[in-house]
Amino acid sequence: MAGIKDVFTCEIVGYAMGSRMTKELVSASLKLALAQKRPKEGLILHSDRGSQASGIGGLAGVYVTQRELL
């Protein structure tokens, strides 16, 4: 499962499920969140340094910052 959480409201705003964690799964969850919430341009997305999140920076209006999980 790949989930997108709004840290301001603590709401899960998008998710996708699959048998493996892939770039496509992460991208699908983000696309769902963007379609449902329609955030303003300049959205900041924090992620870990996983390779699955490497392909999401190209989505329109999303600035990706990567953080390591503790």
PDB file of N, CA and C in Angstrom:
ATOM      1  N   MET A   1       0.839  -1.171   0.000  1.00  0.00           N
ATOM      2  CA  MET A   1       0.000   0.000   0.000  1.00  0.00           C
ATOM      3  C   MET A   1       0.888   1.239   0.000  1.00  0.00           C
ATOM      4  N   ALA A   2       0.533   2.183  -0.832  1.00  0.00           N
ATOM      5  CA  ALA A   2       1.199   3.485  -0.859  1.00  0.00           C
ATOM      6  C   ALA A   2       0.152   4.515  -0.463  1.00  0.00           C
ATOM      7  N   GLY A   3       0.448   5.298   0.553  1.00  0.00           N
ATOM      8  CA  GLY A   3      -0.512   6.278   1.039  1.00  0.00           C
ATOM      9  C   GLY A   3       0.043   7.687   1.013  1.00  0.00           C
ATOM     10  N   ILE A   4      -0.847   8.646   0.835  1.00  0.00           N
ATOM     11  CA  ILE A   4      -0.500  10.065   0.867  1.00  0.00           C
ATOM     12  C   ILE A   4      -1.294  10.689   2.015  1.00  0.00           C
ATOM     13  N   LYS A   5      -0.578  11.282   2.969  1.00  0.00           N
ATOM     14  CA  LYS A   5      -1.216  11.867   4.149  1.00  0.00           C
ATOM     15  C   LYS A   5      -1.014  13.370   4.149  1.00  0.00           C
ATOM     16  N   ASP A   6      -2.091  14.101   4.398  1.00  0.00           N
ATOM     17  CA  ASP A   6      -2.019  15.547   4.583  1.00  0.00           C
ATOM     18  C   ASP A   6      -1.573  15.777   6.025  1.00  0.00           C
ATOM     19  N   VAL A   7      -0.370  16.303   6.214  1.00  0.00           N
ATOM     20  CA  VAL A   7       0.143  16.455   7.576  1.00  0.00           C
ATOM     21  C   VAL A   7      -0.551  17.576   8.345  1.00  0.00           C
ATOM     22  N   PHE A   8      -1.245  18.461   7.651  1.00  0.00           N
ATOM     23  CA  PHE A   8      -1.970  19.531   8.334  1.00  0.00           C
ATOM     24  C   PHE A   8      -3.260  18.997   8.951  1.00  0.00           C
ATOM     25  N   THR A   9      -4.011  18.201   8.179  1.00  0.00           N
ATOM     26  CA  THR A   9      -5.287  17.677   8.663  1.00  0.00           C
ATOM     27  C   THR A   9      -5.186  16.251   9.200  1.00  0.00           C
ATOM     28  N   CYS A  10      -4.031  15.604   9.001  1.00  0.00           N
ATOM     29  CA  CYS A  10      -3.810  14.202   9.382  1.00  0.00           C
ATOM     30  C   CYS A  10      -4.752  13.247   8.642  1.00  0.00           C
ATOM     31  N   GLU A  11      -5.230  13.654   7.487  1.00  0.00           N
ATOM     32  CA  GLU A  11      -6.156  12.866   6.680  1.00  0.00           C
ATOM     33  C   GLU A  11      -5.383  12.120   5.587  1.00  0.00           C
ATOM     34  N   ILE A  12      -5.755  10.864   5.334  1.00  0.00           N
ATOM     35  CA  ILE A  12      -5.212  10.132   4.194  1.00  0.00           C
ATOM     36  C   ILE A  12      -5.975  10.630   2.970  1.00  0.00           C
ATOM     37  N   VAL A  13      -5.261  11.270   2.048  1.00  0.00           N
ATOM     38  CA  VAL A  13      -5.924  11.902   0.900  1.00  0.00           C
ATOM     39  C   VAL A  13      -5.801  11.091  -0.378  1.00  0.00           C
ATOM     40  N   GLY A  14      -4.995  10.054  -0.366  1.00  0.00           N
ATOM     41  CA  GLY A  14      -4.878   9.183  -1.524  1.00  0.00           C
ATOM     42  C   GLY A  14      -4.120   7.925  -1.156  1.00  0.00           C
ATOM     43  N   TYR A  15      -4.506   6.821  -1.776  1.00  0.00           N
ATOM     44  CA  TYR A  15      -3.768   5.584  -1.555  1.00  0.00           C
ATOM     45  C   TYR A  15      -3.977   4.647  -2.738  1.00  0.00           C
ATOM     46  N   ALA A  16      -3.066   3.721  -2.880  1.00  0.00           N
ATOM     47  CA  ALA A  16      -3.166   2.682  -3.894  1.00  0.00           C
ATOM     48  C   ALA A  16      -2.608   1.400  -3.294  1.00  0.00           C
ATOM     49  N   MET A  17      -3.179   0.280  -3.703  1.00  0.00           N
ATOM     50  CA  MET A  17      -2.744  -1.003  -3.164  1.00  0.00           C
ATOM     51  C   MET A  17      -2.257  -1.904  -4.286  1.00  0.00           C
ATOM     52  N   GLY A  18      -1.238  -2.678  -3.984  1.00  0.00           N
ATOM     53  CA  GLY A  18      -0.698  -3.621  -4.945  1.00  0.00           C
ATOM     54  C   GLY A  18       0.117  -4.675  -4.230  1.00  0.00           C
ATOM     55  N   SER A  19       0.547  -5.670  -4.980  1.00  0.00           N
ATOM     56  CA  SER A  19       1.318  -6.755  -4.376  1.00  0.00           C
ATOM     57  C   SER A  19       2.770  -6.364  -4.129  1.00  0.00           C
ATOM     58  N   ARG A  20       3.241  -5.306  -4.814  1.00  0.00           N
ATOM     59  CA  ARG A  20       4.615  -4.824  -4.636  1.00  0.00           C
ATOM     60  C   ARG A  20       4.606  -3.300  -4.599  1.00  0.00           C
ATOM     61  N   MET A  21       5.547  -2.736  -3.845  1.00  0.00           N
ATOM     62  CA  MET A  21       5.698  -1.281  -3.786  1.00  0.00           C
ATOM     63  C   MET A  21       6.519  -0.847  -4.998  1.00  0.00           C
ATOM     64  N   THR A  22       5.861  -0.199  -5.948  1.00  0.00           N
ATOM     65  CA  THR A  22       6.519   0.212  -7.189  1.00  0.00           C
ATOM     66  C   THR A  22       6.352   1.710  -7.408  1.00  0.00           C
ATOM     67  N   LYS A  23       7.097   2.248  -8.360  1.00  0.00           N
ATOM     68  CA  LYS A  23       6.947   3.661  -8.723  1.00  0.00           C
ATOM     69  C   LYS A  23       5.529   3.937  -9.198  1.00  0.00           C
ATOM     70  N   GLU A  24       4.964   2.997  -9.942  1.00  0.00           N
ATOM     71  CA  GLU A  24       3.611   3.166 -10.471  1.00  0.00           C
ATOM     72  C   GLU A  24       2.575   3.222  -9.351  1.00  0.00           C
ATOM     73  N   LEU A  25       2.780   2.434  -8.310  1.00  0.00           N
ATOM     74  CA  LEU A  25       1.860   2.424  -7.177  1.00  0.00           C
ATOM     75  C   LEU A  25       1.900   3.759  -6.438  1.00  0.00           C
ATOM     76  N   VAL A  26       3.099   4.263  -6.196  1.00  0.00           N
ATOM     77  CA  VAL A  26       3.255   5.557  -5.523  1.00  0.00           C
ATOM     78  C   VAL A  26       2.665   6.667  -6.382  1.00  0.00           C
ATOM     79  N   SER A  27       2.925   6.621  -7.677  1.00  0.00           N
ATOM     80  CA  SER A  27       2.400   7.625  -8.596  1.00  0.00           C
ATOM     81  C   SER A  27       0.872   7.589  -8.630  1.00  0.00           C
ATOM     82  N   ALA A  28       0.293   6.395  -8.618  1.00  0.00           N
ATOM     83  CA  ALA A  28      -1.167   6.264  -8.631  1.00  0.00           C
ATOM     84  C   ALA A  28      -1.786   6.865  -7.373  1.00  0.00           C
ATOM     85  N   SER A  29      -1.163   6.643  -6.218  1.00  0.00           N
ATOM     86  CA  SER A  29      -1.711   7.201  -4.976  1.00  0.00           C
ATOM     87  C   SER A  29      -1.628   8.723  -4.972  1.00  0.00           C
ATOM     88  N   LEU A  30      -0.539   9.268  -5.508  1.00  0.00           N
ATOM     89  CA  LEU A  30      -0.401  10.723  -5.571  1.00  0.00           C
ATOM     90  C   LEU A  30      -1.386  11.325  -6.568  1.00  0.00           C
ATOM     91  N   LYS A  31      -1.566  10.681  -7.714  1.00  0.00           N
ATOM     92  CA  LYS A  31      -2.522  11.181  -8.710  1.00  0.00           C
ATOM     93  C   LYS A  31      -3.936  11.197  -8.142  1.00  0.00           C
ATOM     94  N   LEU A  32      -4.298  10.179  -7.374  1.00  0.00           N
ATOM     95  CA  LEU A  32      -5.611  10.135  -6.740  1.00  0.00           C
ATOM     96  C   LEU A  32      -5.766  11.279  -5.748  1.00  0.00           C
ATOM     97  N   ALA A  33      -4.743  11.507  -4.937  1.00  0.00           N
ATOM     98  CA  ALA A  33      -4.785  12.599  -3.960  1.00  0.00           C
ATOM     99  C   ALA A  33      -4.905  13.953  -4.656  1.00  0.00           C
ATOM    100  N   LEU A  34      -4.149  14.148  -5.730  1.00  0.00           N
ATOM    101  CA  LEU A  34      -4.204  15.415  -6.467  1.00  0.00           C
ATOM    102  C   LEU A  34      -5.569  15.619  -7.113  1.00  0.00           C
ATOM    103  N   ALA A  35      -6.159  14.552  -7.648  1.00  0.00           N
ATOM    104  CA  ALA A  35      -7.472  14.653  -8.288  1.00  0.00           C
ATOM    105  C   ALA A  35      -8.565  14.966  -7.274  1.00  0.00           C
ATOM    106  N   GLN A  36      -8.469  14.391  -6.084  1.00  0.00           N
ATOM    107  CA  GLN A  36      -9.503  14.598  -5.075  1.00  0.00           C
ATOM    108  C   GLN A  36      -9.388  15.947  -4.379  1.00  0.00           C
ATOM    109  N   LYS A  37      -8.180  16.385  -4.095  1.00  0.00           N
ATOM    110  CA  LYS A  37      -7.985  17.605  -3.306  1.00  0.00           C
ATOM    111  C   LYS A  37      -7.703  18.846  -4.134  1.00  0.00           C
ATOM    112  N   ARG A  38      -7.198  18.677  -5.350  1.00  0.00           N
ATOM    113  CA  ARG A  38      -6.869  19.796  -6.237  1.00  0.00           C
ATOM    114  C   ARG A  38      -6.117  20.915  -5.500  1.00  0.00           C
ATOM    115  N   PRO A  39      -4.924  20.596  -4.996  1.00  0.00           N
ATOM    116  CA  PRO A  39      -4.158  21.608  -4.249  1.00  0.00           C
ATOM    117  C   PRO A  39      -3.616  22.692  -5.170  1.00  0.00           C
ATOM    118  N   LYS A  40      -3.283  23.815  -4.574  1.00  0.00           N
ATOM    119  CA  LYS A  40      -2.681  24.903  -5.340  1.00  0.00           C
ATOM    120  C   LYS A  40      -1.297  24.492  -5.805  1.00  0.00           C
ATOM    121  N   GLU A  41      -0.808  25.146  -6.853  1.00  0.00           N
ATOM    122  CA  GLU A  41       0.535  24.878  -7.344  1.00  0.00           C
ATOM    123  C   GLU A  41       1.541  25.189  -6.243  1.00  0.00           C
ATOM    124  N   GLY A  42       2.565  24.381  -6.163  1.00  0.00           N
ATOM    125  CA  GLY A  42       3.584  24.575  -5.143  1.00  0.00           C
ATOM    126  C   GLY A  42       3.477  23.599  -3.990  1.00  0.00           C
ATOM    127  N   LEU A  43       2.627  22.590  -4.139  1.00  0.00           N
ATOM    128  CA  LEU A  43       2.497  21.558  -3.119  1.00  0.00           C
ATOM    129  C   LEU A  43       3.864  20.965  -2.794  1.00  0.00           C
ATOM    130  N   ILE A  44       4.148  20.773  -1.530  1.00  0.00           N
ATOM    131  CA  ILE A  44       5.404  20.151  -1.106  1.00  0.00           C
ATOM    132  C   ILE A  44       5.098  18.739  -0.628  1.00  0.00           C
ATOM    133  N   LEU A  45       5.790  17.780  -1.205  1.00  0.00           N
ATOM    134  CA  LEU A  45       5.605  16.383  -0.846  1.00  0.00           C
ATOM    135  C   LEU A  45       6.880  15.871  -0.192  1.00  0.00           C
ATOM    136  N   HIS A  46       6.772  15.431   1.041  1.00  0.00           N
ATOM    137  CA  HIS A  46       7.919  14.855   1.749  1.00  0.00           C
ATOM    138  C   HIS A  46       7.876  13.343   1.565  1.00  0.00           C
ATOM    139  N   SER A  47       9.006  12.749   1.259  1.00  0.00           N
ATOM    140  CA  SER A  47       9.075  11.297   1.125  1.00  0.00           C
ATOM    141  C   SER A  47      10.395  10.797   1.694  1.00  0.00           C
ATOM    142  N   ASP A  48      10.479   9.478   1.846  1.00  0.00           N
ATOM    143  CA  ASP A  48      11.763   8.909   2.233  1.00  0.00           C
ATOM    144  C   ASP A  48      12.637   8.834   0.978  1.00  0.00           C
ATOM    145  N   ARG A  49      13.772   8.222   1.076  1.00  0.00           N
ATOM    146  CA  ARG A  49      14.669   8.148  -0.076  1.00  0.00           C
ATOM    147  C   ARG A  49      14.449   6.886  -0.904  1.00  0.00           C
ATOM    148  N   GLY A  50      13.274   6.306  -0.813  1.00  0.00           N
ATOM    149  CA  GLY A  50      12.985   5.090  -1.561  1.00  0.00           C
ATOM    150  C   GLY A  50      12.960   5.335  -3.064  1.00  0.00           C
ATOM    151  N   SER A  51      13.382   4.338  -3.810  1.00  0.00           N
ATOM    152  CA  SER A  51      13.417   4.476  -5.267  1.00  0.00           C
ATOM    153  C   SER A  51      12.022   4.603  -5.854  1.00  0.00           C
ATOM    154  N   GLN A  52      11.001   4.125  -5.138  1.00  0.00           N
ATOM    155  CA  GLN A  52       9.635   4.199  -5.638  1.00  0.00           C
ATOM    156  C   GLN A  52       9.154   5.635  -5.770  1.00  0.00           C
ATOM    157  N   ALA A  53       9.662   6.529  -4.954  1.00  0.00           N
ATOM    158  CA  ALA A  53       9.217   7.921  -4.968  1.00  0.00           C
ATOM    159  C   ALA A  53      10.004   8.781  -5.948  1.00  0.00           C
ATOM    160  N   SER A  54      10.976   8.190  -6.623  1.00  0.00           N
ATOM    161  CA  SER A  54      11.843   8.988  -7.497  1.00  0.00           C
ATOM    162  C   SER A  54      11.139   9.512  -8.739  1.00  0.00           C
ATOM    163  N   GLY A  55      10.063   8.892  -9.169  1.00  0.00           N
ATOM    164  CA  GLY A  55       9.411   9.307 -10.401  1.00  0.00           C
ATOM    165  C   GLY A  55       8.279  10.298 -10.242  1.00  0.00           C
ATOM    166  N   ILE A  56       7.994  10.750  -9.030  1.00  0.00           N
ATOM    167  CA  ILE A  56       6.817  11.592  -8.832  1.00  0.00           C
ATOM    168  C   ILE A  56       7.091  13.080  -8.957  1.00  0.00           C
ATOM    169  N   GLY A  57       8.344  13.457  -9.052  1.00  0.00           N
ATOM    170  CA  GLY A  57       8.682  14.874  -9.147  1.00  0.00           C
ATOM    171  C   GLY A  57       8.215  15.528 -10.433  1.00  0.00           C
ATOM    172  N   GLY A  58       7.922  14.737 -11.451  1.00  0.00           N
ATOM    173  CA  GLY A  58       7.500  15.287 -12.728  1.00  0.00           C
ATOM    174  C   GLY A  58       6.029  15.653 -12.799  1.00  0.00           C
ATOM    175  N   LEU A  59       5.254  15.330 -11.778  1.00  0.00           N
ATOM    176  CA  LEU A  59       3.836  15.674 -11.807  1.00  0.00           C
ATOM    177  C   LEU A  59       3.669  17.176 -11.637  1.00  0.00           C
ATOM    178  N   ALA A  60       2.772  17.746 -12.390  1.00  0.00           N
ATOM    179  CA  ALA A  60       2.610  19.203 -12.449  1.00  0.00           C
ATOM    180  C   ALA A  60       2.332  19.815 -11.082  1.00  0.00           C
ATOM    181  N   GLY A  61       3.104  20.834 -10.738  1.00  0.00           N
ATOM    182  CA  GLY A  61       2.850  21.604  -9.536  1.00  0.00           C
ATOM    183  C   GLY A  61       3.331  20.976  -8.245  1.00  0.00           C
ATOM    184  N   VAL A  62       4.090  19.895  -8.329  1.00  0.00           N
ATOM    185  CA  VAL A  62       4.532  19.215  -7.115  1.00  0.00           C
ATOM    186  C   VAL A  62       6.026  19.411  -6.940  1.00  0.00           C
ATOM    187  N   TYR A  63       6.418  19.914  -5.783  1.00  0.00           N
ATOM    188  CA  TYR A  63       7.826  20.046  -5.434  1.00  0.00           C
ATOM    189  C   TYR A  63       8.127  18.957  -4.414  1.00  0.00           C
ATOM    190  N   VAL A  64       9.040  18.086  -4.724  1.00  0.00           N
ATOM    191  CA  VAL A  64       9.321  16.939  -3.868  1.00  0.00           C
ATOM    192  C   VAL A  64      10.553  17.198  -3.022  1.00  0.00           C
ATOM    193  N   THR A  65      10.414  17.028  -1.720  1.00  0.00           N
ATOM    194  CA  THR A  65      11.572  17.028  -0.833  1.00  0.00           C
ATOM    195  C   THR A  65      11.700  15.625  -0.282  1.00  0.00           C
ATOM    196  N   GLN A  66      12.893  15.136  -0.174  1.00  0.00           N
ATOM    197  CA  GLN A  66      13.090  13.781   0.323  1.00  0.00           C
ATOM    198  C   GLN A  66      13.712  13.825   1.707  1.00  0.00           C
ATOM    199  N   ARG A  67      13.187  13.015   2.581  1.00  0.00           N
ATOM    200  CA  ARG A  67      13.682  12.914   3.950  1.00  0.00           C
ATOM    201  C   ARG A  67      13.939  11.453   4.261  1.00  0.00           C
ATOM    202  N   GLU A  68      14.896  11.204   5.099  1.00  0.00           N
ATOM    203  CA  GLU A  68      15.143   9.839   5.541  1.00  0.00           C
ATOM    204  C   GLU A  68      14.203   9.509   6.686  1.00  0.00           C
ATOM    205  N   LEU A  69      13.732   8.280   6.699  1.00  0.00           N
ATOM    206  CA  LEU A  69      12.915   7.826   7.817  1.00  0.00           C
ATOM    207  C   LEU A  69      13.818   7.561   9.004  1.00  0.00           C
ATOM    208  N   LEU A  70      13.351   7.881  10.185  1.00  0.00           N
ATOM    209  CA  LEU A  70      14.137   7.638  11.401  1.00  0.00           C
ATOM    210  C   LEU A  70      13.906   6.237  11.894  1.00  0.00           C
TER     211      LEU A  70
END
